[in-house]
Amino acid sequence: MRNLSSVRQFFNQIIAIHNFSPTIYHNYQLPAPRAGEWKLILNSDDIAYGGSGVVIEDCYSVSGEFCGFSQSLFVDIPPLATVLLELIN
């Protein structure tokens, strides 16, 4: 059971965002499993990967109930892309 607990803890520290549409979503609110600073670890829309280059900044969670979570994030979501954010503190 300890292994399963470690896996759950790891996945509570990563947020995966997938946008399958050609639309950019600005300042989009998402639930966050934990409070803190979230750092960008992957943006498949980066120019290095042949994307359009929509820039995503690291962000901090905001307190307040959203979709059953006590924290949320506001992020720009690039078109036709996957974004990974990691909790760093």
C-alpha atoms as a PDB file:
ATOM      1  CA  MET A   1       0.000   0.000   0.000  1.00  0.00           C
ATOM      2  CA  ARG A   2       2.879   2.372   0.561  1.00  0.00           C
ATOM      3  CA  ASN A   3       3.691   2.299  -3.161  1.00  0.00           C
ATOM      4  CA  LEU A   4       0.139   3.279  -4.083  1.00  0.00           C
ATOM      5  CA  SER A   5       0.305   6.154  -1.591  1.00  0.00           C
ATOM      6  CA  SER A   6       3.525   7.415  -3.198  1.00  0.00           C
ATOM      7  CA  VAL A   7       1.935   7.267  -6.645  1.00  0.00           C
ATOM      8  CA  ARG A   8      -1.095   9.223  -5.432  1.00  0.00           C
ATOM      9  CA  GLN A   9       1.156  11.845  -3.843  1.00  0.00           C
ATOM     10  CA  PHE A  10       3.110  12.210  -7.109  1.00  0.00           C
ATOM     11  CA  PHE A  11      -0.035  12.670  -9.188  1.00  0.00           C
ATOM     12  CA  ASN A  12      -1.378  15.253  -6.728  1.00  0.00           C
ATOM     13  CA  GLN A  13       1.625  17.355  -7.747  1.00  0.00           C
ATOM     14  CA  ILE A  14       1.092  17.292 -11.555  1.00  0.00           C
ATOM     15  CA  ILE A  15      -1.713  18.926 -13.525  1.00  0.00           C
ATOM     16  CA  ALA A  16      -2.162  17.793 -17.133  1.00  0.00           C
ATOM     17  CA  ILE A  17      -4.155  20.050 -19.449  1.00  0.00           C
ATOM     18  CA  HIS A  18      -5.127  18.874 -22.944  1.00  0.00           C
ATOM     19  CA  ASN A  19      -6.712  21.216 -25.489  1.00  0.00           C
ATOM     20  CA  PHE A  20      -7.875  19.398 -28.612  1.00  0.00           C
ATOM     21  CA  SER A  21      -9.416  22.505 -30.167  1.00  0.00           C
ATOM     22  CA  PRO A  22      -7.737  25.252 -32.247  1.00  0.00           C
ATOM     23  CA  THR A  23      -8.955  27.860 -29.730  1.00  0.00           C
ATOM     24  CA  ILE A  24      -6.683  29.640 -27.242  1.00  0.00           C
ATOM     25  CA  TYR A  25      -8.292  29.984 -23.805  1.00  0.00           C
ATOM     26  CA  HIS A  26      -7.031  33.009 -21.863  1.00  0.00           C
ATOM     27  CA  ASN A  27      -7.153  33.204 -18.068  1.00  0.00           C
ATOM     28  CA  TYR A  28      -8.954  29.851 -17.866  1.00  0.00           C
ATOM     29  CA  GLN A  29      -9.840  28.712 -14.349  1.00  0.00           C
ATOM     30  CA  LEU A  30      -8.918  25.151 -13.376  1.00  0.00           C
ATOM     31  CA  PRO A  31      -9.248  23.311 -10.054  1.00  0.00           C
ATOM     32  CA  ALA A  32      -5.946  22.676  -8.262  1.00  0.00           C
ATOM     33  CA  PRO A  33      -5.469  19.679  -5.952  1.00  0.00           C
ATOM     34  CA  ARG A  34      -3.032  21.579  -3.709  1.00  0.00           C
ATOM     35  CA  ALA A  35      -2.053  25.120  -2.790  1.00  0.00           C
ATOM     36  CA  GLY A  36       1.234  26.616  -3.937  1.00  0.00           C
ATOM     37  CA  GLU A  37       3.290  27.621  -6.937  1.00  0.00           C
ATOM     38  CA  TRP A  38       2.803  25.599 -10.125  1.00  0.00           C
ATOM     39  CA  LYS A  39       5.687  25.521 -12.605  1.00  0.00           C
ATOM     40  CA  LEU A  40       5.379  24.781 -16.311  1.00  0.00           C
ATOM     41  CA  ILE A  41       7.228  21.563 -17.188  1.00  0.00           C
ATOM     42  CA  LEU A  42       5.808  20.947 -20.689  1.00  0.00           C
ATOM     43  CA  ASN A  43       4.049  23.076 -23.285  1.00  0.00           C
ATOM     44  CA  SER A  44       3.665  21.115 -26.520  1.00  0.00           C
ATOM     45  CA  ASP A  45       2.691  24.398 -28.231  1.00  0.00           C
ATOM     46  CA  ASP A  46       6.252  25.708 -27.774  1.00  0.00           C
ATOM     47  CA  ILE A  47       7.931  26.837 -30.979  1.00  0.00           C
ATOM     48  CA  ALA A  48      10.659  24.240 -30.322  1.00  0.00           C
ATOM     49  CA  TYR A  49       7.996  21.556 -30.913  1.00  0.00           C
ATOM     50  CA  GLY A  50       6.507  23.246 -33.986  1.00  0.00           C
ATOM     51  CA  GLY A  51       3.713  24.972 -32.060  1.00  0.00           C
ATOM     52  CA  SER A  52       2.343  28.492 -32.299  1.00  0.00           C
ATOM     53  CA  GLY A  53       4.373  29.683 -29.305  1.00  0.00           C
ATOM     54  CA  VAL A  54       1.677  30.689 -26.821  1.00  0.00           C
ATOM     55  CA  VAL A  55       3.642  31.549 -23.670  1.00  0.00           C
ATOM     56  CA  ILE A  56       2.499  30.122 -20.353  1.00  0.00           C
ATOM     57  CA  GLU A  57       3.777  31.606 -17.109  1.00  0.00           C
ATOM     58  CA  ASP A  58       4.270  29.766 -13.834  1.00  0.00           C
ATOM     59  CA  CYS A  59       1.312  30.469 -11.577  1.00  0.00           C
ATOM     60  CA  TYR A  60       0.135  30.395  -7.978  1.00  0.00           C
ATOM     61  CA  SER A  61      -3.030  28.748  -6.759  1.00  0.00           C
ATOM     62  CA  VAL A  62      -5.842  30.957  -5.498  1.00  0.00           C
ATOM     63  CA  SER A  63      -7.965  30.094  -2.465  1.00  0.00           C
ATOM     64  CA  GLY A  64     -11.669  29.662  -3.028  1.00  0.00           C
ATOM     65  CA  GLU A  65     -14.076  26.839  -3.754  1.00  0.00           C
ATOM     66  CA  PHE A  66     -14.068  25.733  -7.411  1.00  0.00           C
ATOM     67  CA  CYS A  67     -15.423  22.431  -8.752  1.00  0.00           C
ATOM     68  CA  GLY A  68     -15.156  20.812  -5.331  1.00  0.00           C
ATOM     69  CA  PHE A  69     -11.551  21.925  -4.738  1.00  0.00           C
ATOM     70  CA  SER A  70     -10.401  24.562  -2.254  1.00  0.00           C
ATOM     71  CA  GLN A  71      -7.786  25.946  -4.695  1.00  0.00           C
ATOM     72  CA  SER A  72      -7.768  26.932  -8.356  1.00  0.00           C
ATOM     73  CA  LEU A  73      -5.424  28.257 -11.044  1.00  0.00           C
ATOM     74  CA  PHE A  74      -5.871  30.771 -13.843  1.00  0.00           C
ATOM     75  CA  VAL A  75      -3.826  29.842 -16.925  1.00  0.00           C
ATOM     76  CA  ASP A  76      -3.662  30.502 -20.650  1.00  0.00           C
ATOM     77  CA  ILE A  77      -4.257  27.287 -22.572  1.00  0.00           C
ATOM     78  CA  PRO A  78      -2.668  27.086 -26.027  1.00  0.00           C
ATOM     79  CA  PRO A  79      -4.443  25.577 -29.034  1.00  0.00           C
ATOM     80  CA  LEU A  80      -4.027  21.899 -29.936  1.00  0.00           C
ATOM     81  CA  ALA A  81      -1.612  21.344 -27.075  1.00  0.00           C
ATOM     82  CA  THR A  82      -0.785  19.528 -23.869  1.00  0.00           C
ATOM     83  CA  VAL A  83       0.454  21.482 -20.867  1.00  0.00           C
ATOM     84  CA  LEU A  84       1.968  19.950 -17.717  1.00  0.00           C
ATOM     85  CA  LEU A  85       2.257  21.938 -14.495  1.00  0.00           C
ATOM     86  CA  GLU A  86       4.141  20.709 -11.431  1.00  0.00           C
ATOM     87  CA  LEU A  87       3.691  21.835  -7.839  1.00  0.00           C
ATOM     88  CA  ILE A  88       7.066  23.141  -6.671  1.00  0.00           C
ATOM     89  CA  ASN A  89       6.333  24.107  -3.062  1.00  0.00           C
END
